[in-house]
Amino acid sequence: MAKSKIKYSCTACGAEASKWIGQCPECEAWNTLVEMVVQGTVAREGRFAGYTGSAGTTQVQSLAQVSPDDVARIPTGIGEFDRVLGGGMVSGSVVLIGGDPGIGKSTLLLQTLAALGERYTTLYVSGEESPQQISLRAHRLKLPTANTRLLPETRVEGIIQTALNERPQVLVVDSIQTIFTEQLQSAPGSVAQVRESTAQLVRFAKQSGTSLFIVGHVTKDGQLAGPRVLEHMVDTVLYFEGDSASRYRVIRAFKNRFGAVNELGVFAMTEMGLKEVSNPSAIFLSRHEQEVSGSAVMVTLEGSRPMLVEVQALVDESHLNNPRRVTVGLEHNRLAMLLAVLHRHGGIVTHDQDVFVNVVGGVRLTETGADLAVLLSVLSSLRNRPLPQGLVVFGEVGLAGEIRPVPNGQERLKEAAKHGFTRAIVPAANVAKRGPEGLEVIGVRRLDEALSQLP
């Protein structure tokens, strides 16, 4: 058995040193040396006793010999969570969940273990909260606690040893920033500790077939804290989106080896915990009692789910040398590009106006299908003319002023018709021979054609 050995590696140039120093001797960068393990230990070299997983197999086989059968799914009992995971949990999979403090990560996982407790063996490892705090939350949410096993532990070797004895089918580690390994001397939460602790937990999950959920903190920018290598080590990366002060929570999948990415799960935070929202289009639409200017409704596609969202714009005279361009839920640079297209191909001048664009409900739109809705809402606010009620729009706007088609146009139109919309302005390539009943579909090829449809 090889003895553990420590080295320090520069994250900027890769140079190595036998001890930590403030400045790298090679690239002269400051505070870039991080602690690393250079020789394998028992967990790195051998298998965990009692498990015969596929890790370490060196046999070469043809791809044609590998069965393409679907991976068996384990439903969590929470439909929206299953949707984001790709249909449920997979044995041996590792899921990393990130989000702002207090947004509901621990609550969701505690609810999941409570729902799975009657069918599977579960273990909740808490490195931040005491057992009493977790018990208070479970009783406040009125969750069944008889079958939920709890372990307050921060040492990864102790966690794995307990898991070897308990043999859980579902394991939750909350959170990875509090876990440390005895192989390293650095403090918990450091880059080296987070990376090495995650590597040991992932290795255990793969060899034992345990479904592992890891909670991770996020930075001020909303990114997972710690090294980016964590996202490559796990199978699925989920992010909680939205404001923790808001009632609604949105979970988005950014990586999923067992399902589609960009799937969206919508929850509402109640006194009984996170509740599923089966019809998210209803909460992201503001049903105004009277017509208002600057508001356009579009159909976005989040994974496999079409969803209606409202895009609002406010255009006001600017008294600054550089008018402001502010976006919430949209990419800032894309708004500047769309305003330039509106000027060049629509003849609408906004260079002396402040433009503010917001997506209602805290949804973040990443697809280009929102381009046409953004421009029509901006024009509506500029002219102070409300768009017709019952109108829905979507489409990508090119730099030449063309309206490009978007994927799954028919599914979007069906979703709009289901919610009572009667008119749609869409790219001409998305117009089918027979559209949804009760919905007038208008296909446009150029931006000026779309603008001509407005009153």
Protein backbone atom coordinates (compact mmCIF):
# COMPACT_ATOMS: atom_id res chain seq x y z
CA MET A 1 0.00 0.00 0.00
CA ALA A 2 1.53 3.30 -1.11
CA LYS A 3 1.78 6.10 1.38
CA SER A 4 0.04 9.38 0.60
CA LYS A 5 2.31 12.17 -0.56
CA ILE A 6 1.45 15.84 -0.87
CA LYS A 7 2.58 18.31 -3.49
CA TYR A 8 1.57 21.82 -4.45
CA SER A 9 0.69 22.65 -8.04
CA CYS A 10 0.25 26.05 -9.66
CA THR A 11 -3.21 26.50 -11.18
CA ALA A 12 -1.84 29.05 -13.66
CA CYS A 13 1.17 27.25 -15.21
CA GLY A 14 1.15 23.75 -13.67
CA ALA A 15 4.52 24.07 -11.93
CA GLU A 16 5.03 21.89 -8.86
CA ALA A 17 6.56 22.64 -5.47
CA SER A 18 7.21 20.53 -2.39
CA LYS A 19 5.75 23.13 -0.03
CA TRP A 20 3.37 26.04 -0.24
CA ILE A 21 4.81 29.44 -1.09
CA GLY A 22 2.97 32.64 -1.84
CA GLN A 23 4.39 33.23 -5.33
CA CYS A 24 4.89 30.61 -8.03
CA PRO A 25 8.61 30.42 -8.88
CA GLU A 26 7.88 29.74 -12.56
CA CYS A 27 5.13 32.16 -13.67
CA GLU A 28 5.44 34.49 -10.63
CA ALA A 29 1.68 34.42 -10.03
CA TRP A 30 0.52 35.01 -6.47
CA ASN A 31 -1.58 32.60 -4.39
CA THR A 32 -1.99 30.01 -7.16
CA LEU A 33 -0.40 26.97 -5.45
CA VAL A 34 -2.98 24.39 -4.33
CA GLU A 35 -2.51 21.17 -2.39
CA MET A 36 -2.75 17.85 -4.25
CA VAL A 37 -2.26 14.13 -3.56
CA VAL A 38 0.37 12.60 -5.84
CA GLN A 39 0.23 8.93 -4.80
CA GLY A 40 -2.79 6.64 -4.56
CA THR A 41 -4.29 5.46 -1.30
CA VAL A 42 -6.42 2.44 -0.48
CA ALA A 43 -9.58 4.06 -1.83
CA ARG A 44 -7.76 5.13 -5.00
CA GLU A 45 -6.00 1.82 -5.69
CA GLY A 46 -8.53 -0.83 -4.64
CA ARG A 47 -12.22 -1.48 -4.58
CA PHE A 48 -14.51 -0.96 -1.68
CA ALA A 49 -15.05 -4.23 0.16
CA GLY A 50 -18.30 -5.95 -0.64
CA TYR A 51 -18.92 -4.24 -3.97
CA THR A 52 -18.07 -5.47 -7.47
CA GLY A 53 -18.77 -2.52 -9.68
CA SER A 54 -17.52 -1.92 -13.20
CA ALA A 55 -14.82 0.54 -12.08
CA GLY A 56 -11.36 -0.75 -12.90
CA THR A 57 -12.45 -3.07 -15.71
CA THR A 58 -9.79 -3.16 -18.44
CA GLN A 59 -11.36 -5.61 -20.89
CA VAL A 60 -11.69 -4.25 -24.43
CA GLN A 61 -14.98 -4.92 -26.22
CA SER A 62 -16.69 -3.85 -29.39
CA LEU A 63 -19.28 -1.11 -29.18
CA ALA A 64 -21.70 -3.45 -30.98
CA GLN A 65 -21.47 -5.82 -28.00
CA VAL A 66 -22.70 -3.15 -25.59
CA SER A 67 -26.46 -3.36 -25.06
CA PRO A 68 -28.25 -0.11 -25.95
CA ASP A 69 -31.07 -0.83 -23.49
CA ASP A 70 -32.43 2.14 -21.60
CA VAL A 71 -31.03 2.75 -18.14
CA ALA A 72 -33.42 1.72 -15.36
CA ARG A 73 -34.93 4.75 -13.65
CA ILE A 74 -35.84 5.11 -10.00
CA PRO A 75 -38.71 7.61 -9.56
CA THR A 76 -38.19 10.03 -6.69
CA GLY A 77 -41.90 10.55 -6.09
CA ILE A 78 -41.62 14.23 -7.08
CA GLY A 79 -42.67 14.66 -10.72
CA GLU A 80 -40.88 17.95 -11.42
CA PHE A 81 -37.66 16.62 -9.90
CA ASP A 82 -37.92 13.49 -12.04
CA ARG A 83 -38.38 15.66 -15.14
CA VAL A 84 -35.15 17.55 -14.49
CA LEU A 85 -33.26 14.33 -13.76
CA GLY A 86 -34.41 12.87 -17.07
CA GLY A 87 -37.11 10.55 -15.73
CA GLY A 88 -35.74 9.63 -12.31
CA MET A 89 -32.56 8.57 -10.55
CA VAL A 90 -30.06 6.10 -12.01
CA SER A 91 -28.12 3.62 -9.90
CA GLY A 92 -24.52 4.78 -9.50
CA SER A 93 -25.26 8.29 -10.78
CA VAL A 94 -23.86 11.41 -9.10
CA VAL A 95 -25.98 14.59 -9.07
CA LEU A 96 -24.54 17.98 -8.08
CA ILE A 97 -27.13 20.54 -6.91
CA GLY A 98 -26.20 24.22 -6.53
CA GLY A 99 -28.11 27.32 -5.53
CA ASP A 100 -28.18 30.39 -3.31
CA PRO A 101 -28.42 29.92 0.47
CA GLY A 102 -31.98 29.38 1.65
CA ILE A 103 -33.41 28.67 -1.79
CA GLY A 104 -34.51 25.13 -0.92
CA LYS A 105 -31.73 22.65 -1.76
CA SER A 106 -31.80 20.84 1.59
CA THR A 107 -35.59 21.00 1.74
CA LEU A 108 -35.98 19.34 -1.65
CA LEU A 109 -33.52 16.56 -0.85
CA LEU A 110 -35.09 15.92 2.55
CA GLN A 111 -38.50 15.64 0.89
CA THR A 112 -37.01 13.26 -1.68
CA LEU A 113 -35.53 10.97 0.97
CA ALA A 114 -38.79 11.00 2.91
CA ALA A 115 -40.68 9.93 -0.24
CA LEU A 116 -38.14 7.20 -1.01
CA GLY A 117 -37.79 5.93 2.56
CA GLU A 118 -40.53 3.30 2.33
CA ARG A 119 -39.11 1.71 -0.84
CA TYR A 120 -35.35 2.21 -0.62
CA THR A 121 -32.58 2.50 1.96
CA THR A 122 -31.51 6.12 2.28
CA LEU A 123 -28.83 8.06 4.19
CA TYR A 124 -28.65 11.83 4.74
CA VAL A 125 -25.16 13.10 5.57
CA SER A 126 -25.21 16.58 7.10
CA GLY A 127 -22.03 18.58 7.40
CA GLU A 128 -23.65 21.96 8.07
CA GLU A 129 -26.76 21.41 10.19
CA SER A 130 -27.14 19.49 13.41
CA PRO A 131 -29.53 16.51 13.63
CA GLN A 132 -31.87 18.65 15.75
CA GLN A 133 -32.11 21.30 13.04
CA ILE A 134 -32.89 18.72 10.39
CA SER A 135 -35.48 17.11 12.67
CA LEU A 136 -37.14 20.49 13.22
CA ARG A 137 -37.38 21.04 9.48
CA ALA A 138 -38.81 17.57 8.89
CA HIS A 139 -41.48 18.04 11.58
CA ARG A 140 -42.32 21.51 10.30
CA LEU A 141 -42.86 20.04 6.83
CA LYS A 142 -44.74 17.07 8.38
CA LEU A 143 -42.53 14.53 6.62
CA PRO A 144 -42.32 10.86 7.61
CA THR A 145 -39.00 10.41 9.39
CA ALA A 146 -39.04 6.77 10.53
CA ASN A 147 -37.16 5.47 7.46
CA THR A 148 -34.76 8.40 6.94
CA ARG A 149 -31.28 7.63 8.26
CA LEU A 150 -29.19 10.62 9.39
CA LEU A 151 -25.40 10.96 9.80
CA PRO A 152 -23.72 14.17 11.07
CA GLU A 153 -20.20 13.80 9.63
CA THR A 154 -17.68 15.93 7.74
CA ARG A 155 -14.81 13.45 7.25
CA VAL A 156 -15.15 11.70 3.89
CA GLU A 157 -13.45 8.52 5.15
CA GLY A 158 -16.05 8.28 7.93
CA ILE A 159 -18.88 8.88 5.46
CA ILE A 160 -17.72 6.11 3.14
CA GLN A 161 -17.16 3.68 6.02
CA THR A 162 -20.67 4.30 7.36
CA ALA A 163 -22.10 3.92 3.86
CA LEU A 164 -20.28 0.58 3.54
CA ASN A 165 -22.01 -0.60 6.70
CA GLU A 166 -25.45 0.88 5.97
CA ARG A 167 -25.42 0.10 2.22
CA PRO A 168 -27.82 2.92 1.24
CA GLN A 169 -29.34 2.97 -2.21
CA VAL A 170 -29.67 6.77 -2.09
CA LEU A 171 -27.03 8.96 -0.40
CA VAL A 172 -27.20 12.74 0.15
CA VAL A 173 -24.12 14.79 1.13
CA ASP A 174 -24.96 18.31 2.33
CA SER A 175 -22.70 20.08 1.54
CA ILE A 176 -19.44 19.28 -0.24
CA GLN A 177 -17.79 22.50 0.99
CA THR A 178 -17.86 21.18 4.58
CA ILE A 179 -16.40 17.74 3.76
CA PHE A 180 -12.67 17.08 4.14
CA THR A 181 -10.28 14.17 3.71
CA GLU A 182 -7.49 13.23 6.11
CA GLN A 183 -5.09 12.88 3.19
CA LEU A 184 -4.79 16.67 2.86
CA GLN A 185 -3.79 19.28 5.38
CA SER A 186 -5.72 22.21 3.93
CA ALA A 187 -8.95 23.49 5.46
CA PRO A 188 -12.40 22.19 4.42
CA GLY A 189 -13.78 24.11 1.48
CA SER A 190 -10.43 24.63 -0.22
CA VAL A 191 -10.00 23.65 -3.86
CA ALA A 192 -7.91 20.59 -3.03
CA GLN A 193 -10.27 19.33 -0.31
CA VAL A 194 -13.39 19.78 -2.43
CA ARG A 195 -11.83 18.04 -5.43
CA GLU A 196 -10.37 15.09 -3.53
CA SER A 197 -13.47 14.56 -1.36
CA THR A 198 -15.70 14.58 -4.41
CA ALA A 199 -13.41 12.13 -6.21
CA GLN A 200 -13.67 9.63 -3.35
CA LEU A 201 -17.46 9.97 -3.13
CA VAL A 202 -17.87 9.57 -6.89
CA ARG A 203 -15.65 6.51 -6.88
CA PHE A 204 -17.73 4.97 -4.09
CA ALA A 205 -21.01 5.69 -5.91
CA LYS A 206 -19.78 4.11 -9.17
CA GLN A 207 -18.49 0.95 -7.49
CA SER A 208 -21.43 0.48 -5.13
CA GLY A 209 -24.27 1.55 -7.44
CA THR A 210 -25.48 4.12 -4.91
CA SER A 211 -27.39 7.14 -6.24
CA LEU A 212 -25.47 10.10 -4.84
CA PHE A 213 -26.71 13.69 -4.42
CA ILE A 214 -24.11 16.35 -3.57
CA VAL A 215 -25.08 19.87 -2.48
CA GLY A 216 -22.71 22.64 -3.55
CA HIS A 217 -22.49 26.31 -2.65
CA VAL A 218 -22.51 29.02 -5.30
CA THR A 219 -20.47 32.19 -5.68
CA LYS A 220 -21.78 35.75 -5.98
CA ASP A 221 -21.95 35.24 -9.74
CA GLY A 222 -24.23 32.23 -9.29
CA GLN A 223 -21.60 29.66 -10.32
CA LEU A 224 -20.76 26.57 -8.30
CA ALA A 225 -18.02 27.33 -5.79
CA GLY A 226 -14.82 25.33 -6.08
CA PRO A 227 -12.97 24.02 -9.11
CA ARG A 228 -14.78 23.62 -12.42
CA VAL A 229 -13.52 20.04 -12.52
CA LEU A 230 -16.38 19.11 -10.19
CA GLU A 231 -18.87 19.57 -13.01
CA HIS A 232 -16.88 17.12 -15.14
CA MET A 233 -16.65 14.52 -12.37
CA VAL A 234 -20.41 14.23 -11.78
CA ASP A 235 -23.13 12.94 -14.11
CA THR A 236 -25.73 15.67 -13.61
CA VAL A 237 -25.49 19.34 -12.65
CA LEU A 238 -28.64 21.09 -11.42
CA TYR A 239 -29.02 24.76 -10.51
CA PHE A 240 -31.71 26.45 -8.45
CA GLU A 241 -32.71 29.69 -10.16
CA GLY A 242 -34.73 32.63 -8.94
CA ASP A 243 -34.72 34.80 -5.84
CA SER A 244 -34.86 33.05 -2.47
CA ALA A 245 -37.33 35.74 -1.37
CA SER A 246 -39.72 34.77 -4.17
CA ARG A 247 -42.33 32.06 -3.74
CA TYR A 248 -41.39 30.14 -6.85
CA ARG A 249 -38.27 28.07 -7.40
CA VAL A 250 -36.91 26.91 -10.74
CA ILE A 251 -34.47 24.01 -11.14
CA ARG A 252 -32.57 23.78 -14.43
CA ALA A 253 -30.36 20.94 -15.66
CA PHE A 254 -27.10 22.21 -17.19
CA LYS A 255 -25.54 18.80 -17.63
CA ASN A 256 -27.14 15.36 -17.68
CA ARG A 257 -25.49 12.19 -18.94
CA PHE A 258 -28.77 10.30 -18.54
CA GLY A 259 -31.23 12.81 -19.99
CA ALA A 260 -31.79 16.06 -21.83
CA VAL A 261 -30.11 19.26 -20.72
CA ASN A 262 -31.95 22.54 -20.11
CA GLU A 263 -34.94 20.70 -18.65
CA LEU A 264 -36.86 22.85 -16.21
CA GLY A 265 -38.65 21.98 -12.98
CA VAL A 266 -40.90 24.53 -11.31
CA PHE A 267 -41.76 24.48 -7.61
CA ALA A 268 -43.63 26.72 -5.21
CA MET A 269 -42.27 27.19 -1.68
CA THR A 270 -45.08 26.71 0.84
CA GLU A 271 -45.38 26.03 4.55
CA MET A 272 -45.29 22.31 3.68
CA GLY A 273 -42.10 22.59 1.65
CA LEU A 274 -41.61 22.63 -2.11
CA LYS A 275 -44.76 21.81 -4.07
CA GLU A 276 -44.82 20.95 -7.76
CA VAL A 277 -46.22 23.45 -10.26
CA SER A 278 -47.78 21.35 -13.00
CA ASN A 279 -48.79 24.34 -15.16
CA PRO A 280 -45.94 26.88 -14.97
CA SER A 281 -47.33 28.95 -17.84
CA ALA A 282 -50.07 30.20 -15.53
CA ILE A 283 -47.62 31.69 -13.01
CA PHE A 284 -45.35 33.34 -15.57
CA LEU A 285 -48.19 35.24 -17.23
CA SER A 286 -49.66 38.44 -15.76
CA ARG A 287 -53.30 38.57 -16.71
CA HIS A 288 -53.80 42.33 -16.93
CA GLU A 289 -57.31 43.62 -16.36
CA GLN A 290 -56.77 46.17 -19.13
CA GLU A 291 -54.39 46.43 -22.04
CA VAL A 292 -50.91 47.69 -21.16
CA SER A 293 -48.12 48.78 -23.45
CA GLY A 294 -44.72 47.13 -23.46
CA SER A 295 -45.94 43.59 -22.81
CA ALA A 296 -45.61 40.63 -25.20
CA VAL A 297 -46.29 36.93 -24.61
CA MET A 298 -44.04 34.30 -26.17
CA VAL A 299 -43.73 30.51 -26.03
CA THR A 300 -40.31 29.30 -24.96
CA LEU A 301 -39.08 25.73 -25.00
CA GLU A 302 -37.33 24.51 -21.85
CA GLY A 303 -36.03 21.05 -22.61
CA SER A 304 -39.10 19.15 -23.79
CA ARG A 305 -41.63 21.53 -22.22
CA PRO A 306 -43.22 24.48 -24.07
CA MET A 307 -43.98 27.29 -21.66
CA LEU A 308 -45.67 30.66 -21.98
CA VAL A 309 -43.78 33.61 -20.52
CA GLU A 310 -44.34 37.34 -20.60
CA VAL A 311 -41.65 39.74 -21.81
CA GLN A 312 -42.02 43.31 -20.59
CA ALA A 313 -40.20 46.37 -21.90
CA LEU A 314 -40.00 49.95 -20.72
CA VAL A 315 -38.65 52.58 -23.11
CA ASP A 316 -38.14 56.09 -21.74
CA GLU A 317 -36.33 59.22 -22.82
CA SER A 318 -32.72 59.20 -21.65
CA HIS A 319 -30.94 62.17 -20.12
CA LEU A 320 -27.55 60.45 -20.19
CA ASN A 321 -24.84 60.57 -22.81
CA ASN A 322 -24.98 56.77 -23.02
CA PRO A 323 -28.57 55.51 -22.72
CA ARG A 324 -28.99 52.51 -20.44
CA ARG A 325 -29.70 48.99 -21.68
CA VAL A 326 -30.86 46.85 -18.75
CA THR A 327 -32.05 43.24 -19.01
CA VAL A 328 -33.38 40.82 -16.40
CA GLY A 329 -33.67 37.24 -17.62
CA LEU A 330 -32.09 37.97 -21.02
CA GLU A 331 -28.58 38.40 -22.35
CA HIS A 332 -27.54 42.05 -22.26
CA ASN A 333 -25.49 41.99 -25.48
CA ARG A 334 -28.34 40.42 -27.45
CA LEU A 335 -30.65 43.31 -26.55
CA ALA A 336 -28.14 45.81 -27.96
CA MET A 337 -27.92 43.77 -31.16
CA LEU A 338 -31.71 43.54 -31.52
CA LEU A 339 -32.09 47.31 -31.08
CA ALA A 340 -29.58 47.84 -33.87
CA VAL A 341 -31.56 45.49 -36.15
CA LEU A 342 -34.76 47.34 -35.23
CA HIS A 343 -33.15 50.61 -36.29
CA ARG A 344 -31.60 49.32 -39.51
CA HIS A 345 -34.45 47.16 -40.84
CA GLY A 346 -37.46 48.59 -39.02
CA GLY A 347 -36.66 52.29 -39.06
CA ILE A 348 -37.27 52.60 -35.31
CA VAL A 349 -34.76 54.83 -33.50
CA THR A 350 -33.93 54.05 -29.86
CA HIS A 351 -30.41 55.48 -29.52
CA ASP A 352 -31.72 58.32 -27.35
CA GLN A 353 -33.92 56.11 -25.16
CA ASP A 354 -33.33 54.06 -22.03
CA VAL A 355 -34.49 50.48 -22.67
CA PHE A 356 -35.35 48.09 -19.83
CA VAL A 357 -36.43 44.50 -20.55
CA ASN A 358 -37.67 42.01 -17.97
CA VAL A 359 -38.94 38.43 -18.12
CA VAL A 360 -41.82 38.02 -15.67
CA GLY A 361 -41.53 35.42 -12.92
CA GLY A 362 -37.74 35.22 -12.70
CA VAL A 363 -37.38 32.94 -15.72
CA ARG A 364 -34.10 33.19 -17.63
CA LEU A 365 -34.47 32.92 -21.42
CA THR A 366 -31.44 31.47 -23.18
CA GLU A 367 -32.90 30.66 -26.59
CA THR A 368 -33.07 33.03 -29.55
CA GLY A 369 -36.79 32.42 -30.03
CA ALA A 370 -37.45 35.38 -27.73
CA ASP A 371 -36.03 37.92 -30.21
CA LEU A 372 -39.31 38.83 -31.88
CA ALA A 373 -41.15 39.15 -28.54
CA VAL A 374 -38.45 41.50 -27.23
CA LEU A 375 -38.63 43.79 -30.28
CA LEU A 376 -42.44 43.93 -30.31
CA SER A 377 -42.57 44.73 -26.59
CA VAL A 378 -39.96 47.49 -27.07
CA LEU A 379 -41.94 48.96 -29.96
CA SER A 380 -45.17 48.77 -27.96
CA SER A 381 -43.63 50.69 -25.08
CA LEU A 382 -41.99 53.25 -27.37
CA ARG A 383 -45.27 54.01 -29.14
CA ASN A 384 -47.34 53.55 -25.96
CA ARG A 385 -49.66 51.22 -27.86
CA PRO A 386 -50.64 47.92 -26.26
CA LEU A 387 -50.35 44.77 -28.32
CA PRO A 388 -53.68 43.07 -29.13
CA GLN A 389 -55.01 40.76 -26.44
CA GLY A 390 -54.74 37.09 -27.26
CA LEU A 391 -51.53 37.62 -29.28
CA VAL A 392 -48.52 35.35 -28.88
CA VAL A 393 -45.24 35.71 -30.78
CA PHE A 394 -41.93 33.88 -31.14
CA GLY A 395 -39.09 33.78 -33.63
CA GLU A 396 -35.38 34.47 -34.06
CA VAL A 397 -34.37 37.76 -35.67
CA GLY A 398 -31.25 37.74 -37.85
CA LEU A 399 -28.89 40.62 -38.51
CA ALA A 400 -30.25 40.97 -42.02
CA GLY A 401 -33.76 41.49 -40.67
CA GLU A 402 -34.99 38.00 -41.50
CA ILE A 403 -37.23 36.01 -39.15
CA ARG A 404 -35.70 32.58 -38.66
CA PRO A 405 -37.65 29.49 -37.58
CA VAL A 406 -37.31 27.97 -34.12
CA PRO A 407 -37.46 24.29 -33.10
CA ASN A 408 -40.73 22.59 -32.15
CA GLY A 409 -42.96 25.30 -33.58
CA GLN A 410 -46.11 23.16 -33.56
CA GLU A 411 -45.71 22.24 -29.88
CA ARG A 412 -45.41 25.94 -29.06
CA LEU A 413 -48.56 26.80 -31.01
CA LYS A 414 -50.50 24.01 -29.31
CA GLU A 415 -49.46 25.33 -25.92
CA ALA A 416 -50.64 28.83 -26.87
CA ALA A 417 -53.98 27.54 -28.14
CA LYS A 418 -54.47 25.52 -24.96
CA HIS A 419 -54.25 28.74 -22.90
CA GLY A 420 -56.80 30.60 -24.99
CA PHE A 421 -54.63 32.66 -27.34
CA THR A 422 -56.29 33.42 -30.65
CA ARG A 423 -53.54 34.95 -32.79
CA ALA A 424 -49.87 34.14 -33.32
CA ILE A 425 -47.09 35.90 -35.23
CA VAL A 426 -44.42 33.32 -35.99
CA PRO A 427 -41.70 32.63 -38.59
CA ALA A 428 -43.15 31.56 -41.94
CA ALA A 429 -41.21 28.29 -41.79
CA ASN A 430 -43.04 27.36 -38.56
CA VAL A 431 -46.50 27.68 -40.12
CA ALA A 432 -48.10 24.28 -40.72
CA LYS A 433 -50.80 23.49 -43.26
CA ARG A 434 -53.21 22.86 -40.44
CA GLY A 435 -52.62 24.73 -37.21
CA PRO A 436 -54.35 24.37 -33.85
CA GLU A 437 -58.08 25.01 -33.89
CA GLY A 438 -59.08 28.52 -32.82
CA LEU A 439 -55.61 29.99 -33.36
CA GLU A 440 -54.90 32.31 -36.30
CA VAL A 441 -51.27 31.78 -37.29
CA ILE A 442 -49.55 34.57 -39.25
CA GLY A 443 -46.21 33.69 -40.82
CA VAL A 444 -43.64 36.45 -41.41
CA ARG A 445 -40.30 36.33 -43.21
CA ARG A 446 -38.95 39.80 -42.51
CA LEU A 447 -38.97 42.13 -39.53
CA ASP A 448 -40.93 44.81 -41.39
CA GLU A 449 -43.67 42.24 -42.09
CA ALA A 450 -43.98 41.53 -38.37
CA LEU A 451 -44.13 45.24 -37.54
CA SER A 452 -46.84 45.79 -40.12
CA GLN A 453 -49.11 43.35 -38.24
CA LEU A 454 -49.27 45.68 -35.24
CA PRO A 455 -51.94 48.35 -34.88
